[in-house]
Amino acid sequence: MDAFLMFVGLALFALMLPAMYRVAAGPTAIDRVVAVNVIGTKTAVLLIVIGTIYGRVEMFVDFALAYALLNFIGSLAVARFFHRMKNREKLPEGVETEIS
């Protein structure tokens, strides 16, 4: 069972790699925000898998929930920032969005 869970953990990490590329090379800020959210979601699932491997699921579920909640709050804050900046039409230098 541990070998299977290790495989699942490695597969989740491998699925994070394209999102890491999108964070680094995303053409717009929105692409980068979505990629960070994808990484955050996969990290929360990875925390639960790690908790299952170590036999401490109850502790790691708490960590995963807190991490997912912070990820969600962060994405809301960024969305609100972009919405306010779009209304002012003053985006910071070098930030391109596709919000219409």
PDB file of N, CA and C in Angstrom:
ATOM      1  N   MET A   1       0.822  -1.198   0.000  1.00  0.00           N
ATOM      2  CA  MET A   1       0.000   0.000   0.000  1.00  0.00           C
ATOM      3  C   MET A   1       0.866   1.261   0.000  1.00  0.00           C
ATOM      4  N   ASP A   2       1.982   1.214   0.735  1.00  0.00           N
ATOM      5  CA  ASP A   2       2.863   2.378   0.762  1.00  0.00           C
ATOM      6  C   ASP A   2       3.460   2.663  -0.613  1.00  0.00           C
ATOM      7  N   ALA A   3       3.760   1.610  -1.371  1.00  0.00           N
ATOM      8  CA  ALA A   3       4.317   1.814  -2.711  1.00  0.00           C
ATOM      9  C   ALA A   3       3.286   2.499  -3.614  1.00  0.00           C
ATOM     10  N   PHE A   4       2.037   2.101  -3.487  1.00  0.00           N
ATOM     11  CA  PHE A   4       0.981   2.727  -4.277  1.00  0.00           C
ATOM     12  C   PHE A   4       0.829   4.201  -3.905  1.00  0.00           C
ATOM     13  N   LEU A   5       0.833   4.492  -2.609  1.00  0.00           N
ATOM     14  CA  LEU A   5       0.692   5.877  -2.171  1.00  0.00           C
ATOM     15  C   LEU A   5       1.899   6.724  -2.575  1.00  0.00           C
ATOM     16  N   MET A   6       3.078   6.115  -2.561  1.00  0.00           N
ATOM     17  CA  MET A   6       4.259   6.838  -3.033  1.00  0.00           C
ATOM     18  C   MET A   6       4.130   7.152  -4.528  1.00  0.00           C
ATOM     19  N   PHE A   7       3.605   6.193  -5.288  1.00  0.00           N
ATOM     20  CA  PHE A   7       3.374   6.425  -6.714  1.00  0.00           C
ATOM     21  C   PHE A   7       2.364   7.550  -6.919  1.00  0.00           C
ATOM     22  N   VAL A   8       1.299   7.553  -6.121  1.00  0.00           N
ATOM     23  CA  VAL A   8       0.292   8.613  -6.221  1.00  0.00           C
ATOM     24  C   VAL A   8       0.915   9.974  -5.904  1.00  0.00           C
ATOM     25  N   GLY A   9       1.751  10.020  -4.866  1.00  0.00           N
ATOM     26  CA  GLY A   9       2.419  11.271  -4.513  1.00  0.00           C
ATOM     27  C   GLY A   9       3.332  11.768  -5.614  1.00  0.00           C
ATOM     28  N   LEU A  10       4.093  10.856  -6.204  1.00  0.00           N
ATOM     29  CA  LEU A  10       4.972  11.245  -7.310  1.00  0.00           C
ATOM     30  C   LEU A  10       4.170  11.688  -8.532  1.00  0.00           C
ATOM     31  N   ALA A  11       3.044  11.015  -8.779  1.00  0.00           N
ATOM     32  CA  ALA A  11       2.196  11.407  -9.906  1.00  0.00           C
ATOM     33  C   ALA A  11       1.608  12.800  -9.682  1.00  0.00           C
ATOM     34  N   LEU A  12       1.183  13.088  -8.453  1.00  0.00           N
ATOM     35  CA  LEU A  12       0.668  14.429  -8.161  1.00  0.00           C
ATOM     36  C   LEU A  12       1.744  15.491  -8.350  1.00  0.00           C
ATOM     37  N   PHE A  13       2.954  15.169  -7.902  1.00  0.00           N
ATOM     38  CA  PHE A  13       4.050  16.122  -8.094  1.00  0.00           C
ATOM     39  C   PHE A  13       4.350  16.314  -9.576  1.00  0.00           C
ATOM     40  N   ALA A  14       4.309  15.228 -10.340  1.00  0.00           N
ATOM     41  CA  ALA A  14       4.550  15.333 -11.780  1.00  0.00           C
ATOM     42  C   ALA A  14       3.464  16.173 -12.455  1.00  0.00           C
ATOM     43  N   LEU A  15       2.237  16.092 -11.949  1.00  0.00           N
ATOM     44  CA  LEU A  15       1.162  16.902 -12.516  1.00  0.00           C
ATOM     45  C   LEU A  15       1.294  18.378 -12.146  1.00  0.00           C
ATOM     46  N   MET A  16       2.106  18.677 -11.135  1.00  0.00           N
ATOM     47  CA  MET A  16       2.345  20.077 -10.774  1.00  0.00           C
ATOM     48  C   MET A  16       3.344  20.752 -11.718  1.00  0.00           C
ATOM     49  N   LEU A  17       4.170  19.973 -12.378  1.00  0.00           N
ATOM     50  CA  LEU A  17       5.224  20.549 -13.216  1.00  0.00           C
ATOM     51  C   LEU A  17       4.693  21.430 -14.353  1.00  0.00           C
ATOM     52  N   PRO A  18       3.654  21.014 -15.104  1.00  0.00           N
ATOM     53  CA  PRO A  18       3.137  21.930 -16.134  1.00  0.00           C
ATOM     54  C   PRO A  18       2.581  23.229 -15.546  1.00  0.00           C
ATOM     55  N   ALA A  19       1.978  23.135 -14.363  1.00  0.00           N
ATOM     56  CA  ALA A  19       1.470  24.355 -13.724  1.00  0.00           C
ATOM     57  C   ALA A  19       2.617  25.259 -13.288  1.00  0.00           C
ATOM     58  N   MET A  20       3.724  24.654 -12.838  1.00  0.00           N
ATOM     59  CA  MET A  20       4.895  25.466 -12.475  1.00  0.00           C
ATOM     60  C   MET A  20       5.447  26.189 -13.702  1.00  0.00           C
ATOM     61  N   TYR A  21       5.423  25.516 -14.834  1.00  0.00           N
ATOM     62  CA  TYR A  21       5.849  26.168 -16.079  1.00  0.00           C
ATOM     63  C   TYR A  21       4.923  27.335 -16.413  1.00  0.00           C
ATOM     64  N   ARG A  22       3.620  27.129 -16.229  1.00  0.00           N
ATOM     65  CA  ARG A  22       2.656  28.185 -16.545  1.00  0.00           C
ATOM     66  C   ARG A  22       2.836  29.381 -15.611  1.00  0.00           C
ATOM     67  N   VAL A  23       3.213  29.141 -14.367  1.00  0.00           N
ATOM     68  CA  VAL A  23       3.485  30.256 -13.448  1.00  0.00           C
ATOM     69  C   VAL A  23       4.675  31.061 -13.949  1.00  0.00           C
ATOM     70  N   ALA A  24       5.694  30.372 -14.417  1.00  0.00           N
ATOM     71  CA  ALA A  24       6.908  31.062 -14.861  1.00  0.00           C
ATOM     72  C   ALA A  24       6.731  31.737 -16.217  1.00  0.00           C
ATOM     73  N   ALA A  25       6.010  31.104 -17.130  1.00  0.00           N
ATOM     74  CA  ALA A  25       5.948  31.605 -18.503  1.00  0.00           C
ATOM     75  C   ALA A  25       4.554  32.021 -18.943  1.00  0.00           C
ATOM     76  N   GLY A  26       3.631  32.139 -17.996  1.00  0.00           N
ATOM     77  CA  GLY A  26       2.272  32.490 -18.380  1.00  0.00           C
ATOM     78  C   GLY A  26       2.210  33.820 -19.099  1.00  0.00           C
ATOM     79  N   PRO A  27       1.473  33.886 -20.203  1.00  0.00           N
ATOM     80  CA  PRO A  27       1.446  35.146 -20.944  1.00  0.00           C
ATOM     81  C   PRO A  27       0.698  36.257 -20.198  1.00  0.00           C
ATOM     82  N   THR A  28      -0.257  35.903 -19.354  1.00  0.00           N
ATOM     83  CA  THR A  28      -1.001  36.925 -18.614  1.00  0.00           C
ATOM     84  C   THR A  28      -0.957  36.623 -17.126  1.00  0.00           C
ATOM     85  N   ALA A  29      -1.317  37.617 -16.348  1.00  0.00           N
ATOM     86  CA  ALA A  29      -1.350  37.445 -14.896  1.00  0.00           C
ATOM     87  C   ALA A  29      -2.448  36.469 -14.484  1.00  0.00           C
ATOM     88  N   ILE A  30      -3.538  36.444 -15.213  1.00  0.00           N
ATOM     89  CA  ILE A  30      -4.630  35.525 -14.888  1.00  0.00           C
ATOM     90  C   ILE A  30      -4.170  34.080 -15.053  1.00  0.00           C
ATOM     91  N   ASP A  31      -3.396  33.794 -16.093  1.00  0.00           N
ATOM     92  CA  ASP A  31      -2.848  32.448 -16.274  1.00  0.00           C
ATOM     93  C   ASP A  31      -1.984  32.052 -15.087  1.00  0.00           C
ATOM     94  N   ARG A  32      -1.201  32.979 -14.602  1.00  0.00           N
ATOM     95  CA  ARG A  32      -0.329  32.690 -13.458  1.00  0.00           C
ATOM     96  C   ARG A  32      -1.139  32.427 -12.196  1.00  0.00           C
ATOM     97  N   VAL A  33      -2.201  33.190 -11.985  1.00  0.00           N
ATOM     98  CA  VAL A  33      -3.040  32.996 -10.801  1.00  0.00           C
ATOM     99  C   VAL A  33      -3.725  31.637 -10.847  1.00  0.00           C
ATOM    100  N   VAL A  34      -4.247  31.270 -11.998  1.00  0.00           N
ATOM    101  CA  VAL A  34      -4.896  29.962 -12.136  1.00  0.00           C
ATOM    102  C   VAL A  34      -3.891  28.840 -11.906  1.00  0.00           C
ATOM    103  N   ALA A  35      -2.682  28.991 -12.413  1.00  0.00           N
ATOM    104  CA  ALA A  35      -1.655  27.968 -12.214  1.00  0.00           C
ATOM    105  C   ALA A  35      -1.276  27.839 -10.744  1.00  0.00           C
ATOM    106  N   VAL A  36      -1.193  28.952 -10.041  1.00  0.00           N
ATOM    107  CA  VAL A  36      -0.895  28.889  -8.605  1.00  0.00           C
ATOM    108  C   VAL A  36      -2.029  28.195  -7.861  1.00  0.00           C
ATOM    109  N   ASN A  37      -3.274  28.424  -8.264  1.00  0.00           N
ATOM    110  CA  ASN A  37      -4.402  27.734  -7.638  1.00  0.00           C
ATOM    111  C   ASN A  37      -4.361  26.233  -7.911  1.00  0.00           C
ATOM    112  N   VAL A  38      -3.973  25.854  -9.113  1.00  0.00           N
ATOM    113  CA  VAL A  38      -3.841  24.426  -9.437  1.00  0.00           C
ATOM    114  C   VAL A  38      -2.774  23.783  -8.560  1.00  0.00           C
ATOM    115  N   ILE A  39      -1.645  24.463  -8.412  1.00  0.00           N
ATOM    116  CA  ILE A  39      -0.573  23.937  -7.565  1.00  0.00           C
ATOM    117  C   ILE A  39      -1.051  23.829  -6.120  1.00  0.00           C
ATOM    118  N   GLY A  40      -1.786  24.822  -5.642  1.00  0.00           N
ATOM    119  CA  GLY A  40      -2.295  24.786  -4.273  1.00  0.00           C
ATOM    120  C   GLY A  40      -3.267  23.647  -4.035  1.00  0.00           C
ATOM    121  N   THR A  41      -4.128  23.387  -5.005  1.00  0.00           N
ATOM    122  CA  THR A  41      -5.077  22.286  -4.871  1.00  0.00           C
ATOM    123  C   THR A  41      -4.361  20.942  -4.845  1.00  0.00           C
ATOM    124  N   LYS A  42      -3.414  20.764  -5.729  1.00  0.00           N
ATOM    125  CA  LYS A  42      -2.667  19.505  -5.754  1.00  0.00           C
ATOM    126  C   LYS A  42      -1.814  19.346  -4.495  1.00  0.00           C
ATOM    127  N   THR A  43      -1.321  20.435  -3.945  1.00  0.00           N
ATOM    128  CA  THR A  43      -0.551  20.359  -2.709  1.00  0.00           C
ATOM    129  C   THR A  43      -1.434  19.920  -1.550  1.00  0.00           C
ATOM    130  N   ALA A  44      -2.671  20.402  -1.496  1.00  0.00           N
ATOM    131  CA  ALA A  44      -3.588  19.979  -0.439  1.00  0.00           C
ATOM    132  C   ALA A  44      -3.864  18.479  -0.531  1.00  0.00           C
ATOM    133  N   VAL A  45      -4.067  17.979  -1.733  1.00  0.00           N
ATOM    134  CA  VAL A  45      -4.282  16.537  -1.910  1.00  0.00           C
ATOM    135  C   VAL A  45      -3.017  15.766  -1.548  1.00  0.00           C
ATOM    136  N   LEU A  46      -1.868  16.306  -1.917  1.00  0.00           N
ATOM    137  CA  LEU A  46      -0.596  15.664  -1.586  1.00  0.00           C
ATOM    138  C   LEU A  46      -0.383  15.599  -0.077  1.00  0.00           C
ATOM    139  N   LEU A  47      -0.812  16.613   0.653  1.00  0.00           N
ATOM    140  CA  LEU A  47      -0.714  16.579   2.115  1.00  0.00           C
ATOM    141  C   LEU A  47      -1.543  15.437   2.698  1.00  0.00           C
ATOM    142  N   ILE A  48      -2.704  15.195   2.143  1.00  0.00           N
ATOM    143  CA  ILE A  48      -3.535  14.089   2.632  1.00  0.00           C
ATOM    144  C   ILE A  48      -2.892  12.751   2.306  1.00  0.00           C
ATOM    145  N   VAL A  49      -2.295  12.631   1.133  1.00  0.00           N
ATOM    146  CA  VAL A  49      -1.592  11.391   0.779  1.00  0.00           C
ATOM    147  C   VAL A  49      -0.413  11.166   1.724  1.00  0.00           C
ATOM    148  N   ILE A  50       0.328  12.221   2.030  1.00  0.00           N
ATOM    149  CA  ILE A  50       1.448  12.091   2.968  1.00  0.00           C
ATOM    150  C   ILE A  50       0.940  11.678   4.344  1.00  0.00           C
ATOM    151  N   GLY A  51      -0.175  12.244   4.773  1.00  0.00           N
ATOM    152  CA  GLY A  51      -0.765  11.845   6.049  1.00  0.00           C
ATOM    153  C   GLY A  51      -1.166  10.385   6.070  1.00  0.00           C
ATOM    154  N   THR A  52      -1.654   9.882   4.948  1.00  0.00           N
ATOM    155  CA  THR A  52      -2.012   8.467   4.857  1.00  0.00           C
ATOM    156  C   THR A  52      -0.772   7.594   4.924  1.00  0.00           C
ATOM    157  N   ILE A  53       0.305   8.021   4.296  1.00  0.00           N
ATOM    158  CA  ILE A  53       1.548   7.244   4.332  1.00  0.00           C
ATOM    159  C   ILE A  53       2.069   7.141   5.753  1.00  0.00           C
ATOM    160  N   TYR A  54       2.057   8.249   6.486  1.00  0.00           N
ATOM    161  CA  TYR A  54       2.596   8.256   7.846  1.00  0.00           C
ATOM    162  C   TYR A  54       1.593   7.809   8.904  1.00  0.00           C
ATOM    163  N   GLY A  55       0.353   7.559   8.513  1.00  0.00           N
ATOM    164  CA  GLY A  55      -0.650   7.094   9.461  1.00  0.00           C
ATOM    165  C   GLY A  55      -1.177   8.193  10.370  1.00  0.00           C
ATOM    166  N   ARG A  56      -1.063   9.435   9.970  1.00  0.00           N
ATOM    167  CA  ARG A  56      -1.534  10.579  10.756  1.00  0.00           C
ATOM    168  C   ARG A  56      -2.495  11.421   9.915  1.00  0.00           C
ATOM    169  N   VAL A  57      -3.494  10.767   9.358  1.00  0.00           N
ATOM    170  CA  VAL A  57      -4.405  11.446   8.437  1.00  0.00           C
ATOM    171  C   VAL A  57      -5.120  12.600   9.128  1.00  0.00           C
ATOM    172  N   GLU A  58      -5.527  12.407  10.390  1.00  0.00           N
ATOM    173  CA  GLU A  58      -6.296  13.445  11.076  1.00  0.00           C
ATOM    174  C   GLU A  58      -5.509  14.755  11.199  1.00  0.00           C
ATOM    175  N   MET A  59      -4.213  14.661  11.400  1.00  0.00           N
ATOM    176  CA  MET A  59      -3.392  15.869  11.500  1.00  0.00           C
ATOM    177  C   MET A  59      -3.187  16.504  10.119  1.00  0.00           C
ATOM    178  N   PHE A  60      -2.906  15.689   9.124  1.00  0.00           N
ATOM    179  CA  PHE A  60      -2.626  16.226   7.797  1.00  0.00           C
ATOM    180  C   PHE A  60      -3.880  16.746   7.103  1.00  0.00           C
ATOM    181  N   VAL A  61      -5.045  16.221   7.459  1.00  0.00           N
ATOM    182  CA  VAL A  61      -6.286  16.765   6.900  1.00  0.00           C
ATOM    183  C   VAL A  61      -6.477  18.196   7.387  1.00  0.00           C
ATOM    184  N   ASP A  62      -6.156  18.440   8.660  1.00  0.00           N
ATOM    185  CA  ASP A  62      -6.242  19.809   9.172  1.00  0.00           C
ATOM    186  C   ASP A  62      -5.300  20.736   8.420  1.00  0.00           C
ATOM    187  N   PHE A  63      -4.075  20.272   8.190  1.00  0.00           N
ATOM    188  CA  PHE A  63      -3.121  21.075   7.426  1.00  0.00           C
ATOM    189  C   PHE A  63      -3.634  21.335   6.012  1.00  0.00           C
ATOM    190  N   ALA A  64      -4.175  20.301   5.386  1.00  0.00           N
ATOM    191  CA  ALA A  64      -4.656  20.435   4.010  1.00  0.00           C
ATOM    192  C   ALA A  64      -5.839  21.402   3.929  1.00  0.00           C
ATOM    193  N   LEU A  65      -6.744  21.329   4.899  1.00  0.00           N
ATOM    194  CA  LEU A  65      -7.882  22.248   4.896  1.00  0.00           C
ATOM    195  C   LEU A  65      -7.434  23.691   5.106  1.00  0.00           C
ATOM    196  N   ALA A  66      -6.512  23.895   6.024  1.00  0.00           N
ATOM    197  CA  ALA A  66      -5.999  25.252   6.254  1.00  0.00           C
ATOM    198  C   ALA A  66      -5.285  25.770   5.009  1.00  0.00           C
ATOM    199  N   TYR A  67      -4.503  24.918   4.379  1.00  0.00           N
ATOM    200  CA  TYR A  67      -3.781  25.321   3.171  1.00  0.00           C
ATOM    201  C   TYR A  67      -4.755  25.646   2.040  1.00  0.00           C
ATOM    202  N   ALA A  68      -5.782  24.823   1.867  1.00  0.00           N
ATOM    203  CA  ALA A  68      -6.768  25.067   0.812  1.00  0.00           C
ATOM    204  C   ALA A  68      -7.545  26.355   1.080  1.00  0.00           C
ATOM    205  N   LEU A  69      -7.856  26.611   2.341  1.00  0.00           N
ATOM    206  CA  LEU A  69      -8.571  27.837   2.678  1.00  0.00           C
ATOM    207  C   LEU A  69      -7.715  29.067   2.395  1.00  0.00           C
ATOM    208  N   LEU A  70      -6.442  29.012   2.752  1.00  0.00           N
ATOM    209  CA  LEU A  70      -5.542  30.128   2.451  1.00  0.00           C
ATOM    210  C   LEU A  70      -5.369  30.314   0.943  1.00  0.00           C
ATOM    211  N   ASN A  71      -5.324  29.214   0.216  1.00  0.00           N
ATOM    212  CA  ASN A  71      -5.225  29.284  -1.242  1.00  0.00           C
ATOM    213  C   ASN A  71      -6.456  29.977  -1.829  1.00  0.00           C
ATOM    214  N   PHE A  72      -7.621  29.631  -1.328  1.00  0.00           N
ATOM    215  CA  PHE A  72      -8.867  30.232  -1.808  1.00  0.00           C
ATOM    216  C   PHE A  72      -8.925  31.718  -1.466  1.00  0.00           C
ATOM    217  N   ILE A  73      -8.569  32.065  -0.243  1.00  0.00           N
ATOM    218  CA  ILE A  73      -8.588  33.469   0.165  1.00  0.00           C
ATOM    219  C   ILE A  73      -7.588  34.278  -0.661  1.00  0.00           C
ATOM    220  N   GLY A  74      -6.443  33.694  -0.924  1.00  0.00           N
ATOM    221  CA  GLY A  74      -5.451  34.378  -1.752  1.00  0.00           C
ATOM    222  C   GLY A  74      -5.947  34.618  -3.164  1.00  0.00           C
ATOM    223  N   SER A  75      -6.626  33.635  -3.740  1.00  0.00           N
ATOM    224  CA  SER A  75      -7.140  33.819  -5.100  1.00  0.00           C
ATOM    225  C   SER A  75      -8.253  34.863  -5.126  1.00  0.00           C
ATOM    226  N   LEU A  76      -9.066  34.916  -4.072  1.00  0.00           N
ATOM    227  CA  LEU A  76     -10.083  35.967  -4.004  1.00  0.00           C
ATOM    228  C   LEU A  76      -9.449  37.350  -3.894  1.00  0.00           C
ATOM    229  N   ALA A  77      -8.390  37.452  -3.115  1.00  0.00           N
ATOM    230  CA  ALA A  77      -7.707  38.740  -2.966  1.00  0.00           C
ATOM    231  C   ALA A  77      -7.108  39.202  -4.292  1.00  0.00           C
ATOM    232  N   VAL A  78      -6.504  38.288  -5.021  1.00  0.00           N
ATOM    233  CA  VAL A  78      -5.916  38.653  -6.316  1.00  0.00           C
ATOM    234  C   VAL A  78      -7.011  39.036  -7.310  1.00  0.00           C
ATOM    235  N   ALA A  79      -8.116  38.295  -7.314  1.00  0.00           N
ATOM    236  CA  ALA A  79      -9.222  38.626  -8.216  1.00  0.00           C
ATOM    237  C   ALA A  79      -9.798  40.002  -7.886  1.00  0.00           C
ATOM    238  N   ARG A  80      -9.923  40.286  -6.610  1.00  0.00           N
ATOM    239  CA  ARG A  80     -10.430  41.598  -6.208  1.00  0.00           C
ATOM    240  C   ARG A  80      -9.460  42.712  -6.616  1.00  0.00           C
ATOM    241  N   PHE A  81      -8.176  42.456  -6.458  1.00  0.00           N
ATOM    242  CA  PHE A  81      -7.164  43.436  -6.871  1.00  0.00           C
ATOM    243  C   PHE A  81      -7.272  43.730  -8.363  1.00  0.00           C
ATOM    244  N   PHE A  82      -7.364  42.675  -9.183  1.00  0.00           N
ATOM    245  CA  PHE A  82      -7.463  42.883 -10.625  1.00  0.00           C
ATOM    246  C   PHE A  82      -8.759  43.591 -10.999  1.00  0.00           C
ATOM    247  N   HIS A  83      -9.829  43.275 -10.295  1.00  0.00           N
ATOM    248  CA  HIS A  83     -11.104  43.929 -10.576  1.00  0.00           C
ATOM    249  C   HIS A  83     -11.019  45.423 -10.263  1.00  0.00           C
ATOM    250  N   ARG A  84     -10.433  45.756  -9.133  1.00  0.00           N
ATOM    251  CA  ARG A  84     -10.297  47.174  -8.781  1.00  0.00           C
ATOM    252  C   ARG A  84      -9.368  47.900  -9.747  1.00  0.00           C
ATOM    253  N   MET A  85      -8.274  47.261 -10.120  1.00  0.00           N
ATOM    254  CA  MET A  85      -7.340  47.903 -11.036  1.00  0.00           C
ATOM    255  C   MET A  85      -7.945  48.050 -12.428  1.00  0.00           C
ATOM    256  N   LYS A  86      -8.786  47.099 -12.829  1.00  0.00           N
ATOM    257  CA  LYS A  86      -9.444  47.209 -14.132  1.00  0.00           C
ATOM    258  C   LYS A  86     -10.396  48.400 -14.133  1.00  0.00           C
ATOM    259  N   ASN A  87     -11.090  48.586 -13.025  1.00  0.00           N
ATOM    260  CA  ASN A  87     -12.006  49.722 -12.945  1.00  0.00           C
ATOM    261  C   ASN A  87     -11.260  51.052 -12.964  1.00  0.00           C
ATOM    262  N   ARG A  88     -10.058  51.071 -12.448  1.00  0.00           N
ATOM    263  CA  ARG A  88      -9.258  52.297 -12.456  1.00  0.00           C
ATOM    264  C   ARG A  88      -8.466  52.447 -13.751  1.00  0.00           C
ATOM    265  N   GLU A  89      -8.358  51.360 -14.509  1.00  0.00           N
ATOM    266  CA  GLU A  89      -7.581  51.336 -15.751  1.00  0.00           C
ATOM    267  C   GLU A  89      -6.112  51.649 -15.514  1.00  0.00           C
ATOM    268  N   LYS A  90      -5.607  51.308 -14.341  1.00  0.00           N
ATOM    269  CA  LYS A  90      -4.201  51.547 -14.019  1.00  0.00           C
ATOM    270  C   LYS A  90      -3.573  50.250 -13.529  1.00  0.00           C
ATOM    271  N   LEU A  91      -3.343  49.337 -14.399  1.00  0.00           N
ATOM    272  CA  LEU A  91      -2.656  48.118 -14.002  1.00  0.00           C
ATOM    273  C   LEU A  91      -1.176  48.414 -13.817  1.00  0.00           C
ATOM    274  N   PRO A  92      -0.529  47.718 -12.904  1.00  0.00           N
ATOM    275  CA  PRO A  92       0.909  47.932 -12.726  1.00  0.00           C
ATOM    276  C   PRO A  92       1.675  47.640 -14.012  1.00  0.00           C
ATOM    277  N   GLU A  93       2.841  48.202 -14.118  1.00  0.00           N
ATOM    278  CA  GLU A  93       3.677  48.054 -15.315  1.00  0.00           C
ATOM    279  C   GLU A  93       3.982  46.588 -15.587  1.00  0.00           C
ATOM    280  N   GLY A  94       3.729  46.129 -16.788  1.00  0.00           N
ATOM    281  CA  GLY A  94       4.051  44.765 -17.177  1.00  0.00           C
ATOM    282  C   GLY A  94       2.959  43.752 -16.895  1.00  0.00           C
ATOM    283  N   VAL A  95       1.830  44.159 -16.332  1.00  0.00           N
ATOM    284  CA  VAL A  95       0.750  43.224 -16.026  1.00  0.00           C
ATOM    285  C   VAL A  95      -0.281  43.311 -17.135  1.00  0.00           C
ATOM    286  N   GLU A  96      -0.509  42.174 -17.783  1.00  0.00           N
ATOM    287  CA  GLU A  96      -1.512  42.102 -18.836  1.00  0.00           C
ATOM    288  C   GLU A  96      -2.597  41.142 -18.385  1.00  0.00           C
ATOM    289  N   THR A  97      -3.842  41.520 -18.562  1.00  0.00           N
ATOM    290  CA  THR A  97      -4.948  40.625 -18.245  1.00  0.00           C
ATOM    291  C   THR A  97      -5.841  40.512 -19.461  1.00  0.00           C
ATOM    292  N   GLU A  98      -6.650  39.479 -19.471  1.00  0.00           N
ATOM    293  CA  GLU A  98      -7.601  39.290 -20.560  1.00  0.00           C
ATOM    294  C   GLU A  98      -9.020  39.498 -20.059  1.00  0.00           C
ATOM    295  N   ILE A  99      -9.182  40.278 -19.007  1.00  0.00           N
ATOM    296  CA  ILE A  99     -10.509  40.552 -18.466  1.00  0.00           C
ATOM    297  C   ILE A  99     -11.174  41.585 -19.362  1.00  0.00           C
ATOM    298  N   SER A 100     -12.381  41.255 -19.815  1.00  0.00           N
ATOM    299  CA  SER A 100     -13.064  42.229 -20.672  1.00  0.00           C
ATOM    300  C   SER A 100     -14.396  42.612 -20.092  1.00  0.00           C
TER     301      SER A 100
END
